Amino acid sequence: MGKVIISKILKRIFRKKRYSTKEQRKNREKKTIIEIAEKVIEEENKTASLENRLDQKMSEFLNKTHQLLF
């Protein structure tokens, strides 16, 4: 039992540190924010494209109905 505790303590002392520096954390956060912003812009562009097509179809429809009425 004592050997197990000692071996765990030694492993904890000598294990590889996985801590990141503040700069690394900030860079990761920036990268994540940039990725999210790129996805948002991409989705906005898709939405704008769809809205433009919808506007075009609506104006074509209104022109055709106007021509039929007059």
C-alpha atoms as a PDB file:
ATOM      1  CA  MET A   1       0.000   0.000   0.000  1.00  0.00           C
ATOM      2  CA  GLY A   2       2.815   2.392   0.851  1.00  0.00           C
ATOM      3  CA  LYS A   3       4.577   1.585  -2.437  1.00  0.00           C
ATOM      4  CA  VAL A   4       1.451   2.453  -4.408  1.00  0.00           C
ATOM      5  CA  ILE A   5       1.131   5.847  -2.758  1.00  0.00           C
ATOM      6  CA  ILE A   6       4.836   6.596  -3.244  1.00  0.00           C
ATOM      7  CA  SER A   7       4.702   5.547  -6.909  1.00  0.00           C
ATOM      8  CA  LYS A   8       1.657   7.759  -7.495  1.00  0.00           C
ATOM      9  CA  ILE A   9       3.398  10.695  -5.848  1.00  0.00           C
ATOM     10  CA  LEU A  10       6.527  10.140  -7.960  1.00  0.00           C
ATOM     11  CA  LYS A  11       4.477   9.850 -11.154  1.00  0.00           C
ATOM     12  CA  ARG A  12       2.693  13.093 -10.281  1.00  0.00           C
ATOM     13  CA  ILE A  13       5.983  14.881  -9.663  1.00  0.00           C
ATOM     14  CA  PHE A  14       7.732  13.652 -12.806  1.00  0.00           C
ATOM     15  CA  ARG A  15       4.867  13.609 -15.277  1.00  0.00           C
ATOM     16  CA  LYS A  16       4.982  15.909 -18.250  1.00  0.00           C
ATOM     17  CA  LYS A  17       3.437  19.275 -17.580  1.00  0.00           C
ATOM     18  CA  ARG A  18       0.491  20.057 -19.821  1.00  0.00           C
ATOM     19  CA  TYR A  19      -0.070  23.598 -18.724  1.00  0.00           C
ATOM     20  CA  SER A  20      -0.255  26.294 -21.358  1.00  0.00           C
ATOM     21  CA  THR A  21       1.036  29.796 -21.052  1.00  0.00           C
ATOM     22  CA  LYS A  22      -1.251  32.815 -21.062  1.00  0.00           C
ATOM     23  CA  GLU A  23      -0.082  33.649 -24.565  1.00  0.00           C
ATOM     24  CA  GLN A  24      -0.954  30.171 -25.837  1.00  0.00           C
ATOM     25  CA  ARG A  25      -4.424  30.392 -24.269  1.00  0.00           C
ATOM     26  CA  LYS A  26      -4.984  33.827 -25.820  1.00  0.00           C
ATOM     27  CA  ASN A  27      -3.875  32.546 -29.226  1.00  0.00           C
ATOM     28  CA  ARG A  28      -6.264  29.612 -28.937  1.00  0.00           C
ATOM     29  CA  GLU A  29      -9.096  31.942 -27.962  1.00  0.00           C
ATOM     30  CA  LYS A  30      -8.289  34.284 -30.860  1.00  0.00           C
ATOM     31  CA  LYS A  31      -8.204  31.362 -33.272  1.00  0.00           C
ATOM     32  CA  THR A  32     -11.589  30.163 -32.016  1.00  0.00           C
ATOM     33  CA  ILE A  33     -13.088  33.649 -32.303  1.00  0.00           C
ATOM     34  CA  ILE A  34     -11.708  34.027 -35.842  1.00  0.00           C
ATOM     35  CA  GLU A  35     -13.138  30.643 -36.863  1.00  0.00           C
ATOM     36  CA  ILE A  36     -16.555  31.579 -35.480  1.00  0.00           C
ATOM     37  CA  ALA A  37     -16.454  34.958 -37.257  1.00  0.00           C
ATOM     38  CA  GLU A  38     -15.538  33.281 -40.556  1.00  0.00           C
ATOM     39  CA  LYS A  39     -18.483  30.885 -40.217  1.00  0.00           C
ATOM     40  CA  VAL A  40     -20.841  33.760 -39.408  1.00  0.00           C
ATOM     41  CA  ILE A  41     -19.654  35.722 -42.454  1.00  0.00           C
ATOM     42  CA  GLU A  42     -20.033  32.653 -44.643  1.00  0.00           C
ATOM     43  CA  GLU A  43     -23.608  32.109 -43.440  1.00  0.00           C
ATOM     44  CA  GLU A  44     -24.440  35.804 -43.915  1.00  0.00           C
ATOM     45  CA  ASN A  45     -23.160  35.608 -47.492  1.00  0.00           C
ATOM     46  CA  LYS A  46     -25.323  32.557 -48.157  1.00  0.00           C
ATOM     47  CA  THR A  47     -28.338  34.315 -46.677  1.00  0.00           C
ATOM     48  CA  ALA A  48     -27.690  37.468 -48.720  1.00  0.00           C
ATOM     49  CA  SER A  49     -27.394  35.391 -51.885  1.00  0.00           C
ATOM     50  CA  LEU A  50     -30.691  33.639 -51.152  1.00  0.00           C
ATOM     51  CA  GLU A  51     -32.390  36.956 -50.363  1.00  0.00           C
ATOM     52  CA  ASN A  52     -31.148  38.427 -53.656  1.00  0.00           C
ATOM     53  CA  ARG A  53     -32.526  35.470 -55.600  1.00  0.00           C
ATOM     54  CA  LEU A  54     -35.817  35.711 -53.741  1.00  0.00           C
ATOM     55  CA  ASP A  55     -36.048  39.448 -54.476  1.00  0.00           C
ATOM     56  CA  GLN A  56     -35.349  38.795 -58.133  1.00  0.00           C
ATOM     57  CA  LYS A  57     -38.038  36.097 -58.332  1.00  0.00           C
ATOM     58  CA  MET A  58     -40.532  38.323 -56.543  1.00  0.00           C
ATOM     59  CA  SER A  59     -39.893  41.234 -58.889  1.00  0.00           C
ATOM     60  CA  GLU A  60     -40.239  38.920 -61.916  1.00  0.00           C
ATOM     61  CA  PHE A  61     -43.509  37.600 -60.514  1.00  0.00           C
ATOM     62  CA  LEU A  62     -44.823  41.110 -59.842  1.00  0.00           C
ATOM     63  CA  ASN A  63     -43.848  42.240 -63.349  1.00  0.00           C
ATOM     64  CA  LYS A  64     -45.654  39.282 -64.918  1.00  0.00           C
ATOM     65  CA  THR A  65     -48.794  39.822 -62.827  1.00  0.00           C
ATOM     66  CA  HIS A  66     -48.704  43.543 -63.621  1.00  0.00           C
ATOM     67  CA  GLN A  67     -48.458  42.781 -67.338  1.00  0.00           C
ATOM     68  CA  LEU A  68     -51.379  40.348 -67.114  1.00  0.00           C
ATOM     69  CA  LEU A  69     -53.555  42.840 -65.268  1.00  0.00           C
ATOM     70  CA  PHE A  70     -52.916  45.768 -67.625  1.00  0.00           C
END
